[in-house]
Amino acid sequence: MTGREDRLLYGCAAVLLSYPGEQFVDDMAAVGAAAEGMGRKGAGPSLAALARSLDEIGREAAERLYVSTFDLGRRVTLNLTYYSHGDTRSRGATLAGLAERYAMAGMELSGGELPDFLPALLELAASTKEGAELLAGQEASLRALADALARESSIFHEVVEALVSTLPRSGRRSRPELRLSEDGPPLEMVGLANLPGYGLSREGGGRS
């Protein structure tokens, strides 16, 4: 895809992977229109199909689907550093580093979500080079998320696979991917509210 198509993909995916809000119907229509601008090849058709599917089941059902997919288990989450760090102390430094990169790119998040929340990263990637670099840095976790969604036969799988297709392939399965496949994320539990970087966020779902 072209750089423009990548940016459209990131913007559409940010909407599709966010918790359904009050503008749900308008958001799905906007995704459908943007997907048409991506042409018939590549990710456009799958994004449009997902938007239609969510629109057809309606906001309340979409909310339930979102929660059951992303908020109720260990192996599927939109907080990407969870795949590599789990709820461990080492995750705090990574979150702090991400928070600094958001600030450098001029994006301020609020509302209680963490800076590794995929829809927030996608919004940044859709509008800035800094954001695209941050997203590429999460390649392994994105692949782990795609694998997890595939195992669940989730309708969200194709949109994450489309995101993965825009990133350079490392050529081998990384430590986060293998860890998720074999054991799930590590379980050294800590209070994330006390970690550096917590408090940067945005509205929407996603586990902290």
N, C-alpha and C. Protein backbone atom coordinates (compact mmCIF):
# COMPACT_ATOMS: atom_id res chain seq x y z
N MET A 1 0.84 -1.20 0.00
CA MET A 1 0.00 0.00 0.00
C MET A 1 0.87 1.24 0.00
N THR A 2 0.28 2.36 -0.42
CA THR A 2 0.99 3.62 -0.40
C THR A 2 0.99 4.20 1.01
N GLY A 3 1.81 5.26 1.21
CA GLY A 3 1.82 5.91 2.51
C GLY A 3 0.45 6.46 2.87
N ARG A 4 -0.24 7.02 1.88
CA ARG A 4 -1.59 7.54 2.12
C ARG A 4 -2.53 6.43 2.55
N GLU A 5 -2.45 5.27 1.89
CA GLU A 5 -3.32 4.16 2.25
C GLU A 5 -2.99 3.63 3.65
N ASP A 6 -1.71 3.61 3.99
CA ASP A 6 -1.34 3.22 5.35
C ASP A 6 -1.99 4.13 6.37
N ARG A 7 -1.94 5.44 6.12
CA ARG A 7 -2.52 6.39 7.07
C ARG A 7 -4.04 6.21 7.17
N LEU A 8 -4.69 5.96 6.03
CA LEU A 8 -6.13 5.67 6.06
C LEU A 8 -6.41 4.41 6.87
N LEU A 9 -5.59 3.39 6.65
CA LEU A 9 -5.76 2.14 7.39
C LEU A 9 -5.63 2.38 8.88
N TYR A 10 -4.61 3.12 9.29
CA TYR A 10 -4.41 3.38 10.72
C TYR A 10 -5.60 4.13 11.31
N GLY A 11 -6.10 5.11 10.59
CA GLY A 11 -7.24 5.87 11.09
C GLY A 11 -8.49 5.01 11.21
N CYS A 12 -8.75 4.20 10.17
CA CYS A 12 -9.93 3.32 10.21
C CYS A 12 -9.81 2.30 11.33
N ALA A 13 -8.63 1.71 11.45
CA ALA A 13 -8.42 0.69 12.48
C ALA A 13 -8.57 1.28 13.88
N ALA A 14 -8.14 2.53 14.07
CA ALA A 14 -8.29 3.18 15.37
C ALA A 14 -9.76 3.25 15.77
N VAL A 15 -10.62 3.54 14.79
CA VAL A 15 -12.06 3.60 15.07
C VAL A 15 -12.62 2.21 15.33
N LEU A 16 -12.28 1.26 14.49
CA LEU A 16 -12.84 -0.09 14.61
C LEU A 16 -12.40 -0.80 15.89
N LEU A 17 -11.23 -0.45 16.40
CA LEU A 17 -10.71 -1.10 17.59
C LEU A 17 -10.93 -0.30 18.87
N SER A 18 -11.75 0.75 18.77
CA SER A 18 -12.13 1.54 19.94
C SER A 18 -13.49 1.07 20.46
N TYR A 19 -13.70 1.27 21.74
CA TYR A 19 -15.00 0.93 22.32
C TYR A 19 -16.09 1.75 21.65
N PRO A 20 -17.20 1.14 21.24
CA PRO A 20 -18.25 1.88 20.53
C PRO A 20 -18.77 3.06 21.36
N GLY A 21 -18.73 4.25 20.77
CA GLY A 21 -19.16 5.45 21.47
C GLY A 21 -20.50 5.96 20.99
N GLU A 22 -20.85 7.16 21.42
CA GLU A 22 -22.14 7.73 21.07
C GLU A 22 -22.28 7.97 19.57
N GLN A 23 -21.17 8.18 18.89
CA GLN A 23 -21.20 8.42 17.45
C GLN A 23 -20.97 7.13 16.66
N PHE A 24 -21.37 6.01 17.24
CA PHE A 24 -21.09 4.70 16.64
C PHE A 24 -21.55 4.60 15.19
N VAL A 25 -22.79 4.96 14.91
CA VAL A 25 -23.32 4.83 13.56
C VAL A 25 -22.54 5.69 12.58
N ASP A 26 -22.29 6.95 12.96
CA ASP A 26 -21.51 7.84 12.11
C ASP A 26 -20.08 7.34 11.93
N ASP A 27 -19.50 6.77 13.00
CA ASP A 27 -18.14 6.26 12.91
C ASP A 27 -18.04 5.11 11.92
N MET A 28 -19.02 4.19 11.95
CA MET A 28 -18.99 3.06 11.03
C MET A 28 -19.17 3.54 9.59
N ALA A 29 -20.02 4.53 9.39
CA ALA A 29 -20.21 5.08 8.05
C ALA A 29 -18.92 5.74 7.55
N ALA A 30 -18.24 6.45 8.45
CA ALA A 30 -17.00 7.12 8.07
C ALA A 30 -15.92 6.11 7.70
N VAL A 31 -15.85 5.01 8.44
CA VAL A 31 -14.88 3.97 8.12
C VAL A 31 -15.18 3.37 6.75
N GLY A 32 -16.46 3.12 6.49
CA GLY A 32 -16.83 2.56 5.20
C GLY A 32 -16.43 3.47 4.05
N ALA A 33 -16.67 4.77 4.20
CA ALA A 33 -16.31 5.73 3.16
C ALA A 33 -14.80 5.81 2.97
N ALA A 34 -14.06 5.82 4.09
CA ALA A 34 -12.60 5.89 4.00
C ALA A 34 -12.04 4.63 3.36
N ALA A 35 -12.63 3.48 3.69
CA ALA A 35 -12.15 2.22 3.13
C ALA A 35 -12.31 2.21 1.61
N GLU A 36 -13.36 2.84 1.11
CA GLU A 36 -13.54 2.93 -0.34
C GLU A 36 -12.39 3.69 -0.97
N GLY A 37 -11.85 4.68 -0.25
CA GLY A 37 -10.75 5.46 -0.77
C GLY A 37 -9.45 4.68 -0.83
N MET A 38 -9.44 3.49 -0.24
CA MET A 38 -8.24 2.65 -0.28
C MET A 38 -8.24 1.72 -1.48
N GLY A 39 -9.33 1.72 -2.23
CA GLY A 39 -9.41 0.87 -3.41
C GLY A 39 -9.90 -0.53 -3.08
N ARG A 40 -10.01 -1.36 -4.10
CA ARG A 40 -10.54 -2.71 -3.93
C ARG A 40 -9.50 -3.72 -3.51
N LYS A 41 -8.24 -3.39 -3.65
CA LYS A 41 -7.17 -4.30 -3.24
C LYS A 41 -6.73 -3.97 -1.82
N GLY A 42 -6.02 -4.88 -1.21
CA GLY A 42 -5.48 -4.61 0.11
C GLY A 42 -6.52 -4.68 1.21
N ALA A 43 -6.40 -3.78 2.18
CA ALA A 43 -7.21 -3.87 3.40
C ALA A 43 -8.58 -3.24 3.27
N GLY A 44 -8.81 -2.41 2.26
CA GLY A 44 -10.07 -1.68 2.15
C GLY A 44 -11.31 -2.53 2.29
N PRO A 45 -11.46 -3.61 1.52
CA PRO A 45 -12.67 -4.43 1.62
C PRO A 45 -12.90 -5.04 3.00
N SER A 46 -11.83 -5.51 3.65
CA SER A 46 -12.00 -6.13 4.97
C SER A 46 -12.40 -5.10 6.02
N LEU A 47 -11.86 -3.88 5.92
CA LEU A 47 -12.25 -2.82 6.86
C LEU A 47 -13.71 -2.45 6.65
N ALA A 48 -14.11 -2.30 5.40
CA ALA A 48 -15.49 -1.95 5.10
C ALA A 48 -16.44 -3.05 5.58
N ALA A 49 -16.04 -4.31 5.40
CA ALA A 49 -16.88 -5.43 5.82
C ALA A 49 -17.05 -5.46 7.33
N LEU A 50 -15.97 -5.19 8.07
CA LEU A 50 -16.07 -5.17 9.53
C LEU A 50 -16.96 -4.03 9.99
N ALA A 51 -16.83 -2.86 9.38
CA ALA A 51 -17.69 -1.72 9.74
C ALA A 51 -19.14 -2.06 9.49
N ARG A 52 -19.44 -2.71 8.36
CA ARG A 52 -20.82 -3.10 8.07
C ARG A 52 -21.33 -4.11 9.09
N SER A 53 -20.50 -5.09 9.42
CA SER A 53 -20.92 -6.11 10.38
C SER A 53 -21.24 -5.50 11.74
N LEU A 54 -20.39 -4.59 12.20
CA LEU A 54 -20.63 -3.95 13.50
C LEU A 54 -21.88 -3.08 13.44
N ASP A 55 -22.05 -2.36 12.33
CA ASP A 55 -23.23 -1.50 12.18
C ASP A 55 -24.50 -2.34 12.18
N GLU A 56 -24.46 -3.49 11.54
CA GLU A 56 -25.64 -4.35 11.45
C GLU A 56 -26.06 -4.91 12.81
N ILE A 57 -25.10 -5.25 13.65
CA ILE A 57 -25.48 -5.80 14.96
C ILE A 57 -25.88 -4.70 15.94
N GLY A 58 -25.51 -3.45 15.66
CA GLY A 58 -25.91 -2.33 16.50
C GLY A 58 -24.95 -2.06 17.64
N ARG A 59 -25.07 -0.87 18.21
CA ARG A 59 -24.10 -0.41 19.21
C ARG A 59 -24.07 -1.30 20.45
N GLU A 60 -25.21 -1.66 21.00
CA GLU A 60 -25.21 -2.43 22.25
C GLU A 60 -24.53 -3.79 22.05
N ALA A 61 -24.85 -4.45 20.96
CA ALA A 61 -24.23 -5.74 20.69
C ALA A 61 -22.74 -5.57 20.41
N ALA A 62 -22.38 -4.48 19.74
CA ALA A 62 -20.97 -4.20 19.46
C ALA A 62 -20.21 -3.95 20.76
N GLU A 63 -20.83 -3.28 21.71
CA GLU A 63 -20.21 -3.06 23.01
C GLU A 63 -19.93 -4.39 23.72
N ARG A 64 -20.93 -5.27 23.71
CA ARG A 64 -20.76 -6.57 24.37
C ARG A 64 -19.66 -7.38 23.69
N LEU A 65 -19.64 -7.33 22.36
CA LEU A 65 -18.60 -8.05 21.62
C LEU A 65 -17.22 -7.50 21.95
N TYR A 66 -17.11 -6.20 22.02
CA TYR A 66 -15.83 -5.56 22.32
C TYR A 66 -15.33 -6.00 23.69
N VAL A 67 -16.18 -5.95 24.68
CA VAL A 67 -15.80 -6.32 26.04
C VAL A 67 -15.41 -7.79 26.11
N SER A 68 -16.21 -8.66 25.49
CA SER A 68 -15.92 -10.09 25.55
C SER A 68 -14.62 -10.43 24.81
N THR A 69 -14.28 -9.64 23.81
CA THR A 69 -13.06 -9.89 23.04
C THR A 69 -11.81 -9.38 23.73
N PHE A 70 -11.87 -8.15 24.21
CA PHE A 70 -10.64 -7.48 24.66
C PHE A 70 -10.49 -7.31 26.16
N ASP A 71 -11.54 -7.49 26.93
CA ASP A 71 -11.45 -7.14 28.34
C ASP A 71 -11.57 -8.31 29.31
N LEU A 72 -11.84 -9.51 28.84
CA LEU A 72 -12.19 -10.58 29.77
C LEU A 72 -11.15 -11.70 29.88
N GLY A 73 -10.10 -11.66 29.10
CA GLY A 73 -9.12 -12.74 29.16
C GLY A 73 -7.69 -12.23 29.21
N ARG A 74 -6.75 -13.13 29.44
CA ARG A 74 -5.33 -12.76 29.51
C ARG A 74 -4.69 -12.64 28.16
N ARG A 75 -5.19 -13.38 27.17
CA ARG A 75 -4.44 -13.53 25.93
C ARG A 75 -4.82 -12.55 24.84
N VAL A 76 -5.86 -11.78 25.01
CA VAL A 76 -6.25 -10.79 24.00
C VAL A 76 -6.45 -9.44 24.68
N THR A 77 -5.59 -8.50 24.37
CA THR A 77 -5.69 -7.15 24.90
C THR A 77 -5.15 -6.18 23.88
N LEU A 78 -5.65 -4.95 23.91
CA LEU A 78 -5.17 -3.89 23.03
C LEU A 78 -4.05 -3.08 23.66
N ASN A 79 -3.67 -3.38 24.88
CA ASN A 79 -2.51 -2.75 25.52
C ASN A 79 -1.28 -3.56 25.15
N LEU A 80 -0.54 -3.08 24.15
CA LEU A 80 0.43 -3.92 23.47
C LEU A 80 1.61 -4.35 24.32
N THR A 81 2.06 -3.52 25.25
CA THR A 81 3.22 -3.92 26.05
C THR A 81 2.90 -5.07 27.00
N TYR A 82 1.63 -5.37 27.18
CA TYR A 82 1.24 -6.50 28.02
C TYR A 82 1.77 -7.81 27.44
N TYR A 83 1.86 -7.88 26.10
CA TYR A 83 2.33 -9.12 25.48
C TYR A 83 3.79 -9.40 25.78
N SER A 84 4.59 -8.36 25.87
CA SER A 84 6.01 -8.56 26.12
C SER A 84 6.37 -8.51 27.60
N HIS A 85 5.58 -7.78 28.40
CA HIS A 85 5.94 -7.57 29.80
C HIS A 85 4.93 -8.12 30.80
N GLY A 86 3.68 -8.34 30.37
CA GLY A 86 2.66 -8.70 31.33
C GLY A 86 2.48 -7.60 32.36
N ASP A 87 1.97 -7.95 33.52
CA ASP A 87 1.87 -6.97 34.60
C ASP A 87 3.11 -7.06 35.47
N THR A 88 4.24 -6.65 34.94
CA THR A 88 5.51 -6.71 35.64
C THR A 88 6.08 -5.32 35.81
N ARG A 89 7.04 -5.20 36.70
CA ARG A 89 7.64 -3.90 36.97
C ARG A 89 8.38 -3.34 35.76
N SER A 90 8.93 -4.23 34.95
CA SER A 90 9.67 -3.76 33.77
C SER A 90 8.77 -3.03 32.78
N ARG A 91 7.48 -3.29 32.86
CA ARG A 91 6.55 -2.62 31.94
C ARG A 91 6.48 -1.12 32.20
N GLY A 92 6.71 -0.72 33.44
CA GLY A 92 6.62 0.69 33.79
C GLY A 92 7.57 1.56 33.00
N ALA A 93 8.82 1.11 32.86
CA ALA A 93 9.80 1.89 32.11
C ALA A 93 9.41 2.00 30.65
N THR A 94 8.87 0.93 30.10
CA THR A 94 8.42 0.95 28.71
C THR A 94 7.28 1.92 28.52
N LEU A 95 6.33 1.92 29.44
CA LEU A 95 5.19 2.85 29.36
C LEU A 95 5.67 4.29 29.48
N ALA A 96 6.62 4.52 30.36
CA ALA A 96 7.15 5.87 30.51
C ALA A 96 7.81 6.35 29.22
N GLY A 97 8.56 5.45 28.58
CA GLY A 97 9.19 5.81 27.33
C GLY A 97 8.18 6.13 26.25
N LEU A 98 7.10 5.36 26.18
CA LEU A 98 6.04 5.64 25.22
C LEU A 98 5.40 6.99 25.51
N ALA A 99 5.16 7.27 26.77
CA ALA A 99 4.55 8.55 27.15
C ALA A 99 5.40 9.73 26.67
N GLU A 100 6.71 9.58 26.80
CA GLU A 100 7.61 10.64 26.35
C GLU A 100 7.53 10.83 24.84
N ARG A 101 7.40 9.73 24.11
CA ARG A 101 7.32 9.82 22.65
C ARG A 101 6.02 10.50 22.23
N TYR A 102 4.93 10.23 22.93
CA TYR A 102 3.68 10.94 22.65
C TYR A 102 3.87 12.44 22.82
N ALA A 103 4.51 12.81 23.92
CA ALA A 103 4.73 14.23 24.20
C ALA A 103 5.59 14.87 23.12
N MET A 104 6.62 14.16 22.68
CA MET A 104 7.49 14.68 21.63
C MET A 104 6.72 14.88 20.33
N ALA A 105 5.74 14.05 20.09
CA ALA A 105 4.94 14.16 18.87
C ALA A 105 3.81 15.16 19.01
N GLY A 106 3.66 15.75 20.20
CA GLY A 106 2.64 16.77 20.41
C GLY A 106 1.26 16.22 20.68
N MET A 107 1.14 14.97 21.10
CA MET A 107 -0.17 14.38 21.38
C MET A 107 -0.32 14.16 22.87
N GLU A 108 -1.37 14.70 23.44
CA GLU A 108 -1.65 14.55 24.87
C GLU A 108 -2.89 13.69 25.04
N LEU A 109 -2.76 12.61 25.80
CA LEU A 109 -3.87 11.70 26.04
C LEU A 109 -4.42 11.91 27.45
N SER A 110 -5.67 11.62 27.63
CA SER A 110 -6.29 11.77 28.95
C SER A 110 -7.43 10.78 29.08
N GLY A 111 -7.81 10.51 30.31
CA GLY A 111 -8.98 9.68 30.54
C GLY A 111 -8.71 8.37 31.22
N GLY A 112 -7.45 8.04 31.54
CA GLY A 112 -7.18 6.84 32.33
C GLY A 112 -6.60 5.68 31.58
N GLU A 113 -6.43 5.78 30.26
CA GLU A 113 -5.85 4.67 29.51
C GLU A 113 -4.34 4.80 29.44
N LEU A 114 -3.67 3.70 29.13
CA LEU A 114 -2.22 3.67 29.05
C LEU A 114 -1.73 4.03 27.65
N PRO A 115 -0.49 4.50 27.52
CA PRO A 115 0.01 4.94 26.22
C PRO A 115 0.31 3.81 25.24
N ASP A 116 0.17 2.56 25.66
CA ASP A 116 0.36 1.45 24.73
C ASP A 116 -0.96 0.96 24.14
N PHE A 117 -2.06 1.69 24.40
CA PHE A 117 -3.38 1.30 23.89
C PHE A 117 -3.38 1.45 22.37
N LEU A 118 -3.64 0.36 21.66
CA LEU A 118 -3.48 0.33 20.20
C LEU A 118 -4.26 1.42 19.47
N PRO A 119 -5.53 1.69 19.77
CA PRO A 119 -6.21 2.76 19.04
C PRO A 119 -5.53 4.12 19.19
N ALA A 120 -4.95 4.41 20.34
CA ALA A 120 -4.23 5.67 20.52
C ALA A 120 -2.97 5.69 19.66
N LEU A 121 -2.23 4.59 19.64
CA LEU A 121 -1.05 4.50 18.79
C LEU A 121 -1.42 4.66 17.31
N LEU A 122 -2.56 4.10 16.94
CA LEU A 122 -2.99 4.20 15.55
C LEU A 122 -3.36 5.62 15.16
N GLU A 123 -4.01 6.34 16.06
CA GLU A 123 -4.32 7.74 15.78
C GLU A 123 -3.04 8.54 15.56
N LEU A 124 -2.06 8.27 16.38
CA LEU A 124 -0.78 8.96 16.25
C LEU A 124 -0.09 8.57 14.94
N ALA A 125 -0.15 7.28 14.60
CA ALA A 125 0.48 6.80 13.37
C ALA A 125 -0.21 7.35 12.13
N ALA A 126 -1.51 7.62 12.24
CA ALA A 126 -2.25 8.15 11.10
C ALA A 126 -1.89 9.59 10.79
N SER A 127 -1.31 10.27 11.76
CA SER A 127 -1.08 11.71 11.58
C SER A 127 0.38 12.14 11.67
N THR A 128 1.26 11.28 12.21
CA THR A 128 2.65 11.70 12.39
C THR A 128 3.62 10.58 12.05
N LYS A 129 4.79 10.95 11.60
CA LYS A 129 5.86 9.99 11.35
C LYS A 129 6.29 9.33 12.66
N GLU A 130 6.31 10.11 13.74
CA GLU A 130 6.67 9.58 15.05
C GLU A 130 5.75 8.43 15.44
N GLY A 131 4.46 8.62 15.20
CA GLY A 131 3.50 7.58 15.53
C GLY A 131 3.70 6.32 14.71
N ALA A 132 4.01 6.49 13.42
CA ALA A 132 4.26 5.32 12.57
C ALA A 132 5.48 4.55 13.06
N GLU A 133 6.50 5.26 13.53
CA GLU A 133 7.69 4.60 14.07
C GLU A 133 7.37 3.85 15.36
N LEU A 134 6.54 4.46 16.21
CA LEU A 134 6.14 3.79 17.44
C LEU A 134 5.37 2.51 17.15
N LEU A 135 4.47 2.60 16.17
CA LEU A 135 3.68 1.43 15.81
C LEU A 135 4.58 0.32 15.28
N ALA A 136 5.53 0.67 14.43
CA ALA A 136 6.45 -0.33 13.91
C ALA A 136 7.25 -0.99 15.02
N GLY A 137 7.54 -0.23 16.07
CA GLY A 137 8.27 -0.77 17.20
C GLY A 137 7.48 -1.80 18.00
N GLN A 138 6.17 -1.87 17.75
CA GLN A 138 5.32 -2.83 18.43
C GLN A 138 4.98 -4.02 17.53
N GLU A 139 5.81 -4.24 16.52
CA GLU A 139 5.52 -5.30 15.54
C GLU A 139 5.26 -6.66 16.20
N ALA A 140 6.13 -7.05 17.11
CA ALA A 140 5.99 -8.38 17.72
C ALA A 140 4.68 -8.50 18.50
N SER A 141 4.34 -7.46 19.22
CA SER A 141 3.09 -7.50 19.99
C SER A 141 1.87 -7.49 19.08
N LEU A 142 1.95 -6.75 17.98
CA LEU A 142 0.84 -6.76 17.01
C LEU A 142 0.66 -8.16 16.42
N ARG A 143 1.77 -8.82 16.11
CA ARG A 143 1.67 -10.18 15.58
C ARG A 143 1.09 -11.13 16.63
N ALA A 144 1.47 -10.93 17.87
CA ALA A 144 0.92 -11.75 18.94
C ALA A 144 -0.58 -11.52 19.08
N LEU A 145 -1.00 -10.26 18.98
CA LEU A 145 -2.43 -9.93 19.04
C LEU A 145 -3.17 -10.58 17.87
N ALA A 146 -2.61 -10.50 16.68
CA ALA A 146 -3.25 -11.11 15.51
C ALA A 146 -3.40 -12.62 15.71
N ASP A 147 -2.36 -13.26 16.23
CA ASP A 147 -2.43 -14.70 16.50
C ASP A 147 -3.53 -15.02 17.51
N ALA A 148 -3.60 -14.21 18.56
CA ALA A 148 -4.61 -14.45 19.60
C ALA A 148 -6.01 -14.30 19.05
N LEU A 149 -6.23 -13.27 18.23
CA LEU A 149 -7.55 -13.06 17.63
C LEU A 149 -7.90 -14.18 16.66
N ALA A 150 -6.92 -14.68 15.94
CA ALA A 150 -7.16 -15.79 15.01
C ALA A 150 -7.60 -17.03 15.78
N ARG A 151 -6.96 -17.29 16.92
CA ARG A 151 -7.34 -18.46 17.71
C ARG A 151 -8.77 -18.34 18.23
N GLU A 152 -9.22 -17.10 18.44
CA GLU A 152 -10.57 -16.87 18.93
C GLU A 152 -11.59 -16.76 17.79
N SER A 153 -11.11 -16.87 16.54
CA SER A 153 -11.96 -16.69 15.36
C SER A 153 -12.72 -15.37 15.43
N SER A 154 -12.03 -14.33 15.88
CA SER A 154 -12.64 -13.02 16.09
C SER A 154 -12.80 -12.26 14.78
N ILE A 155 -13.88 -11.50 14.67
CA ILE A 155 -14.09 -10.67 13.49
C ILE A 155 -13.10 -9.51 13.44
N PHE A 156 -12.41 -9.26 14.55
CA PHE A 156 -11.40 -8.20 14.57
C PHE A 156 -10.05 -8.67 14.03
N HIS A 157 -9.94 -9.95 13.75
CA HIS A 157 -8.65 -10.50 13.34
C HIS A 157 -8.12 -9.85 12.07
N GLU A 158 -8.97 -9.69 11.06
CA GLU A 158 -8.48 -9.21 9.77
C GLU A 158 -7.94 -7.79 9.84
N VAL A 159 -8.55 -6.95 10.69
CA VAL A 159 -8.05 -5.58 10.76
C VAL A 159 -6.66 -5.54 11.38
N VAL A 160 -6.40 -6.39 12.35
CA VAL A 160 -5.06 -6.43 12.94
C VAL A 160 -4.07 -7.05 11.96
N GLU A 161 -4.48 -8.06 11.22
CA GLU A 161 -3.61 -8.62 10.18
C GLU A 161 -3.27 -7.56 9.14
N ALA A 162 -4.23 -6.71 8.81
CA ALA A 162 -3.97 -5.63 7.85
C ALA A 162 -2.92 -4.68 8.40
N LEU A 163 -2.99 -4.39 9.69
CA LEU A 163 -1.98 -3.53 10.31
C LEU A 163 -0.60 -4.18 10.23
N VAL A 164 -0.54 -5.46 10.54
CA VAL A 164 0.73 -6.17 10.49
C VAL A 164 1.33 -6.11 9.09
N SER A 165 0.47 -6.15 8.08
CA SER A 165 0.98 -6.16 6.70
C SER A 165 1.69 -4.87 6.33
N THR A 166 1.48 -3.79 7.07
CA THR A 166 2.14 -2.52 6.76
C THR A 166 3.52 -2.42 7.40
N LEU A 167 3.87 -3.37 8.26
CA LEU A 167 5.11 -3.29 9.02
C LEU A 167 6.18 -4.17 8.40
N PRO A 168 7.45 -3.80 8.55
CA PRO A 168 8.53 -4.64 8.03
C PRO A 168 8.59 -5.95 8.80
N ARG A 169 8.78 -7.02 8.06
CA ARG A 169 8.84 -8.35 8.68
C ARG A 169 10.22 -8.61 9.24
N SER A 170 10.28 -9.01 10.49
CA SER A 170 11.57 -9.27 11.14
C SER A 170 12.22 -10.55 10.63
N GLY A 171 11.42 -11.46 10.08
CA GLY A 171 11.97 -12.70 9.55
C GLY A 171 11.96 -13.86 10.52
N ARG A 172 11.60 -13.62 11.76
CA ARG A 172 11.52 -14.70 12.74
C ARG A 172 10.52 -14.34 13.82
N ARG A 173 10.01 -15.35 14.48
CA ARG A 173 9.08 -15.10 15.58
C ARG A 173 9.86 -14.57 16.76
N SER A 174 9.36 -13.50 17.34
CA SER A 174 10.09 -12.84 18.41
C SER A 174 9.72 -13.41 19.77
N ARG A 175 10.44 -12.96 20.76
CA ARG A 175 10.19 -13.42 22.13
C ARG A 175 8.76 -13.15 22.59
N PRO A 176 8.20 -11.95 22.38
CA PRO A 176 6.82 -11.74 22.81
C PRO A 176 5.84 -12.69 22.15
N GLU A 177 6.00 -12.94 20.84
CA GLU A 177 5.09 -13.85 20.15
C GLU A 177 5.18 -15.26 20.73
N LEU A 178 6.39 -15.73 20.94
CA LEU A 178 6.57 -17.07 21.46
C LEU A 178 6.04 -17.17 22.88
N ARG A 179 6.28 -16.14 23.68
CA ARG A 179 5.81 -16.15 25.06
C ARG A 179 4.30 -16.23 25.11
N LEU A 180 3.63 -15.47 24.28
CA LEU A 180 2.18 -15.50 24.27
C LEU A 180 1.67 -16.85 23.83
N SER A 181 2.27 -17.41 22.79
CA SER A 181 1.80 -18.68 22.25
C SER A 181 1.98 -19.80 23.26
N GLU A 182 3.06 -19.78 24.00
CA GLU A 182 3.38 -20.90 24.87
C GLU A 182 2.79 -20.76 26.28
N ASP A 183 2.93 -19.58 26.85
CA ASP A 183 2.59 -19.42 28.26
C ASP A 183 1.58 -18.30 28.55
N GLY A 184 1.35 -17.43 27.59
CA GLY A 184 0.62 -16.21 27.90
C GLY A 184 1.57 -15.20 28.51
N PRO A 185 1.14 -13.95 28.68
CA PRO A 185 2.00 -12.91 29.23
C PRO A 185 2.44 -13.24 30.65
N PRO A 186 3.61 -12.74 31.10
CA PRO A 186 4.10 -13.00 32.45
C PRO A 186 3.16 -12.44 33.50
N LEU A 187 3.24 -12.99 34.71
CA LEU A 187 2.23 -12.70 35.72
C LEU A 187 2.78 -12.11 37.01
N GLU A 188 3.87 -11.40 36.98
CA GLU A 188 4.36 -10.71 38.17
C GLU A 188 3.46 -9.49 38.38
N MET A 189 2.48 -9.61 39.26
CA MET A 189 1.44 -8.59 39.39
C MET A 189 1.95 -7.38 40.17
N VAL A 190 1.68 -6.20 39.65
CA VAL A 190 2.02 -4.96 40.34
C VAL A 190 0.88 -3.99 40.13
N GLY A 191 0.84 -2.92 40.93
CA GLY A 191 -0.18 -1.91 40.77
C GLY A 191 0.21 -0.93 39.68
N LEU A 192 -0.41 -1.02 38.52
CA LEU A 192 -0.02 -0.17 37.40
C LEU A 192 -0.33 1.30 37.66
N ALA A 193 -1.24 1.58 38.58
CA ALA A 193 -1.55 2.98 38.88
C ALA A 193 -0.34 3.70 39.43
N ASN A 194 0.63 2.95 39.97
CA ASN A 194 1.82 3.56 40.54
C ASN A 194 3.01 3.56 39.59
N LEU A 195 2.81 3.03 38.39
CA LEU A 195 3.92 2.96 37.44
C LEU A 195 4.04 4.23 36.63
N PRO A 196 5.25 4.60 36.22
CA PRO A 196 5.42 5.75 35.34
C PRO A 196 4.64 5.56 34.05
N GLY A 197 3.99 6.62 33.59
CA GLY A 197 3.25 6.55 32.36
C GLY A 197 1.77 6.31 32.55
N TYR A 198 1.36 5.82 33.73
CA TYR A 198 -0.07 5.61 33.94
C TYR A 198 -0.76 6.95 34.07
N GLY A 199 -1.96 7.06 33.50
CA GLY A 199 -2.70 8.31 33.55
C GLY A 199 -2.76 8.96 32.19
N LEU A 200 -1.83 8.59 31.29
CA LEU A 200 -1.97 8.99 29.90
C LEU A 200 -3.01 8.09 29.30
N SER A 201 -3.99 8.62 28.67
CA SER A 201 -4.98 7.75 28.10
C SER A 201 -5.99 8.48 27.27
N ARG A 202 -7.03 7.73 26.88
CA ARG A 202 -8.06 8.24 26.03
C ARG A 202 -9.33 7.49 26.38
N GLU A 203 -10.46 7.96 25.88
CA GLU A 203 -11.70 7.27 26.14
C GLU A 203 -11.69 5.95 25.39
N GLY A 204 -12.46 5.00 25.91
CA GLY A 204 -12.61 3.74 25.19
C GLY A 204 -12.26 2.57 26.05
N GLY A 205 -12.38 1.38 25.45
CA GLY A 205 -12.12 0.17 26.17
C GLY A 205 -10.65 -0.13 26.20
N GLY A 206 -10.36 -1.36 26.58
CA GLY A 206 -8.96 -1.77 26.68
C GLY A 206 -8.57 -1.96 28.11
N ARG A 207 -7.85 -3.03 28.36
CA ARG A 207 -7.46 -3.34 29.73
C ARG A 207 -6.17 -2.64 30.05
N SER A 208 -6.01 -2.16 31.26
CA SER A 208 -4.75 -1.56 31.69
C SER A 208 -3.81 -2.60 32.25
